[in-house]
Protein backbone atom coordinates (compact mmCIF):
# COMPACT_ATOMS: atom_id res chain seq x y z
CA MET A 1 -57.65 -57.32 -44.79
CA LYS A 2 -59.25 -60.62 -46.27
CA GLU A 3 -61.82 -62.50 -44.17
CA MET A 4 -63.30 -66.07 -44.55
CA ASN A 5 -65.93 -67.83 -42.49
CA ILE A 6 -64.92 -70.65 -40.59
CA SER A 7 -66.89 -73.46 -38.75
CA PHE A 8 -65.27 -75.49 -36.01
CA SER A 9 -65.66 -77.51 -32.77
CA LEU A 10 -63.84 -76.03 -29.79
CA ASN A 11 -64.12 -78.01 -26.37
CA GLY A 12 -67.38 -79.49 -27.83
CA LYS A 13 -69.08 -76.54 -28.95
CA ASP A 14 -69.73 -75.49 -32.69
CA TYR A 15 -68.49 -72.34 -33.76
CA SER A 16 -68.98 -70.42 -37.30
CA LEU A 17 -66.91 -67.12 -37.29
CA ASN A 18 -65.96 -64.57 -40.02
CA VAL A 19 -62.48 -63.98 -39.36
CA PRO A 20 -59.29 -62.47 -41.02
CA THR A 21 -57.31 -65.13 -43.05
CA ASN A 22 -54.28 -64.37 -41.47
CA ILE A 23 -54.81 -65.05 -37.73
CA THR A 24 -53.69 -67.91 -35.93
CA LEU A 25 -55.96 -70.49 -34.04
CA LEU A 26 -54.38 -69.13 -30.90
CA GLN A 27 -55.88 -65.81 -31.52
CA ILE A 28 -58.89 -67.24 -32.26
CA VAL A 29 -59.01 -69.27 -29.13
CA ARG A 30 -58.05 -66.42 -27.00
CA GLU A 31 -59.11 -63.19 -28.64
CA ILE A 32 -62.30 -64.22 -30.36
CA THR A 33 -63.63 -67.07 -28.21
CA GLY A 34 -62.23 -65.51 -24.69
CA LEU A 35 -60.69 -68.75 -23.55
CA THR A 36 -57.41 -67.60 -21.87
CA GLY A 37 -56.16 -70.90 -20.43
CA THR A 38 -53.87 -71.66 -23.77
CA LYS A 39 -51.21 -69.15 -23.63
CA LYS A 40 -49.17 -67.32 -25.75
CA GLY A 41 -45.34 -67.52 -25.45
CA CYS A 42 -42.54 -67.59 -28.03
CA ASP A 43 -45.24 -67.28 -30.82
CA LYS A 44 -42.82 -69.40 -33.07
CA GLY A 45 -43.96 -72.87 -31.96
CA GLU A 46 -41.06 -73.61 -29.80
CA CYS A 47 -42.20 -73.41 -26.24
CA GLY A 48 -45.30 -75.41 -26.03
CA ALA A 49 -47.27 -72.89 -24.19
CA CYS A 50 -50.12 -72.74 -26.71
CA THR A 51 -50.63 -76.54 -27.17
CA VAL A 52 -54.07 -77.90 -27.84
CA LEU A 53 -55.29 -81.06 -29.40
CA PHE A 54 -56.05 -80.30 -33.02
CA ASN A 55 -58.09 -82.78 -34.73
CA GLY A 56 -56.67 -85.39 -32.05
CA VAL A 57 -53.15 -84.35 -32.35
CA THR A 58 -50.99 -82.09 -30.21
CA ALA A 59 -50.20 -78.84 -31.84
CA ASN A 60 -48.75 -75.46 -31.31
CA SER A 61 -51.89 -73.34 -32.01
CA CYS A 62 -49.63 -70.16 -32.94
CA LEU A 63 -48.54 -71.81 -35.93
CA ILE A 64 -52.15 -72.80 -37.51
CA ILE A 65 -53.90 -70.43 -39.62
CA ALA A 66 -57.37 -69.43 -39.82
CA PRO A 67 -58.06 -71.29 -42.93
CA GLN A 68 -56.60 -74.54 -41.50
CA VAL A 69 -59.10 -74.15 -38.57
CA ASP A 70 -62.26 -74.44 -40.88
CA GLY A 71 -63.82 -77.95 -40.37
CA SER A 72 -61.55 -78.88 -37.43
CA VAL A 73 -62.14 -80.14 -33.60
CA ILE A 74 -60.16 -78.49 -31.16
CA THR A 75 -59.62 -79.20 -27.52
CA THR A 76 -58.07 -76.61 -25.21
CA ILE A 77 -57.20 -76.91 -21.34
CA GLU A 78 -60.60 -75.62 -20.72
CA GLY A 79 -62.11 -78.83 -22.32
CA ILE A 80 -60.22 -80.99 -20.25
CA GLY A 81 -61.03 -79.77 -16.62
CA THR A 82 -62.39 -76.82 -14.62
CA VAL A 83 -61.45 -75.40 -11.45
CA LYS A 84 -64.85 -76.98 -9.96
CA ASN A 85 -64.17 -80.47 -11.74
CA PRO A 86 -60.43 -80.60 -12.54
CA HIS A 87 -59.47 -83.64 -14.70
CA PRO A 88 -57.15 -86.30 -12.62
CA ILE A 89 -54.15 -84.93 -14.54
CA GLN A 90 -54.72 -81.60 -13.41
CA LYS A 91 -55.32 -83.12 -9.73
CA ALA A 92 -51.96 -84.90 -10.00
CA PHE A 93 -50.00 -81.69 -11.19
CA VAL A 94 -51.20 -79.84 -7.97
CA GLU A 95 -50.40 -82.99 -5.67
CA GLU A 96 -47.14 -83.33 -7.02
CA GLY A 97 -46.11 -79.40 -7.00
CA ALA A 98 -45.93 -79.61 -10.67
CA VAL A 99 -47.31 -76.16 -10.84
CA GLN A 100 -45.07 -73.18 -10.06
CA CYS A 101 -45.81 -70.02 -12.14
CA GLY A 102 -48.19 -71.89 -14.13
CA PHE A 103 -47.58 -70.49 -17.80
CA CYS A 104 -46.38 -73.68 -19.21
CA THR A 105 -48.93 -75.96 -17.20
CA PRO A 106 -51.76 -75.50 -19.80
CA GLY A 107 -49.66 -77.06 -22.75
CA ILE A 108 -48.09 -79.56 -20.53
CA VAL A 109 -51.46 -80.97 -19.40
CA VAL A 110 -52.74 -80.97 -22.71
CA SER A 111 -49.67 -82.81 -23.87
CA THR A 112 -50.00 -85.36 -20.92
CA TYR A 113 -53.77 -85.81 -21.66
CA ASP A 114 -52.87 -86.80 -25.32
CA LEU A 115 -50.25 -89.04 -24.18
CA LEU A 116 -52.28 -91.01 -21.40
CA ASN A 117 -55.10 -91.56 -23.74
CA LYS A 118 -52.68 -92.98 -26.49
CA LYS A 119 -50.79 -94.83 -23.93
CA PRO A 120 -52.13 -95.13 -20.32
CA LYS A 121 -49.12 -96.65 -18.77
CA PRO A 122 -46.23 -94.58 -20.67
CA THR A 123 -42.47 -95.39 -20.07
CA ASP A 124 -40.20 -92.63 -18.66
CA ASN A 125 -39.10 -92.47 -22.77
CA GLU A 126 -42.66 -91.96 -23.84
CA ILE A 127 -43.05 -89.19 -21.00
CA ARG A 128 -40.13 -87.50 -22.14
CA GLU A 129 -40.97 -87.86 -26.05
CA ALA A 130 -44.46 -86.62 -25.48
CA LEU A 131 -43.54 -83.56 -23.42
CA SER A 132 -40.42 -82.64 -25.35
CA GLY A 133 -42.19 -79.75 -26.89
CA ASN A 134 -43.35 -78.24 -23.76
CA LEU A 135 -40.90 -75.79 -21.98
CA CYS A 136 -40.78 -75.11 -18.42
CA ARG A 137 -38.36 -72.72 -16.63
CA CYS A 138 -39.63 -73.32 -12.89
CA THR A 139 -40.23 -76.84 -11.93
CA GLY A 140 -36.84 -78.85 -13.35
CA TYR A 141 -39.15 -81.36 -14.80
CA ILE A 142 -38.83 -84.16 -11.90
CA LYS A 143 -42.31 -83.04 -10.49
CA ILE A 144 -43.80 -82.92 -13.78
CA PHE A 145 -42.33 -86.23 -14.60
CA ASN A 146 -43.83 -87.36 -11.23
CA ALA A 147 -47.27 -85.86 -11.81
CA VAL A 148 -47.71 -87.67 -15.23
CA ARG A 149 -46.51 -90.86 -13.60
CA LYS A 150 -49.24 -90.46 -10.73
CA ALA A 151 -51.83 -89.82 -13.25
CA SER A 152 -51.14 -92.86 -15.13
CA GLY A 153 -51.07 -94.90 -11.85
CA GLU A 154 -47.56 -95.46 -11.86
CA GLU A 155 -44.56 -95.17 -9.25
CA LYS A 156 -43.02 -91.73 -8.94
CA LEU A 157 -39.39 -90.86 -9.82
CA GLY A 158 -36.79 -90.44 -7.12
CA ARG A 159 -36.94 -86.90 -5.94
C-alpha cells in the first residue's frame, strides 16, 4: 500500500503524518488522531454524520482522501466545544432536547456552527438548506430547528 506524508491543522493543532494514500479524512480523524466525535454513518456522503469544516467549508469527511488533506485546516466537533466548556450551540441542543441517540448530533452541530458563523440570524429556509445534508432518525427536526434558532437568538418554531 502506497503511503505519503501529509501535514494539516486539526482543531488548531498541527499534524504531520505518514498515512496510506487511500484512507479518508474520517479514518485519519477517528483512527489515527483518536478524535471519535465525528461519526461514521453511511460512508457514502449521504447522511452527514461525518461532517467537519474542511478549509472553512462543511464537508463529508468520508469523501475526502488523504492526498486532499495535505495543507488543509480541519475543525471537528471537538474543536467547537468540550464537555467542560460547551459551545452555546451545544448548550442550545441540550436545552431544546435536540439530542436523542446523539449519533447525528456532531455533524449537525458542525453544520450549525458554520451556518451561524456565516449568517448569525438565519431564516428558516437558510436553516433548512444548511442542515439539508444531515439526516436524523430520532428527533423529527423541530427540536433541532428550535435549537438552531435558540443559538441564533431567534424565537422558536411552534412545537
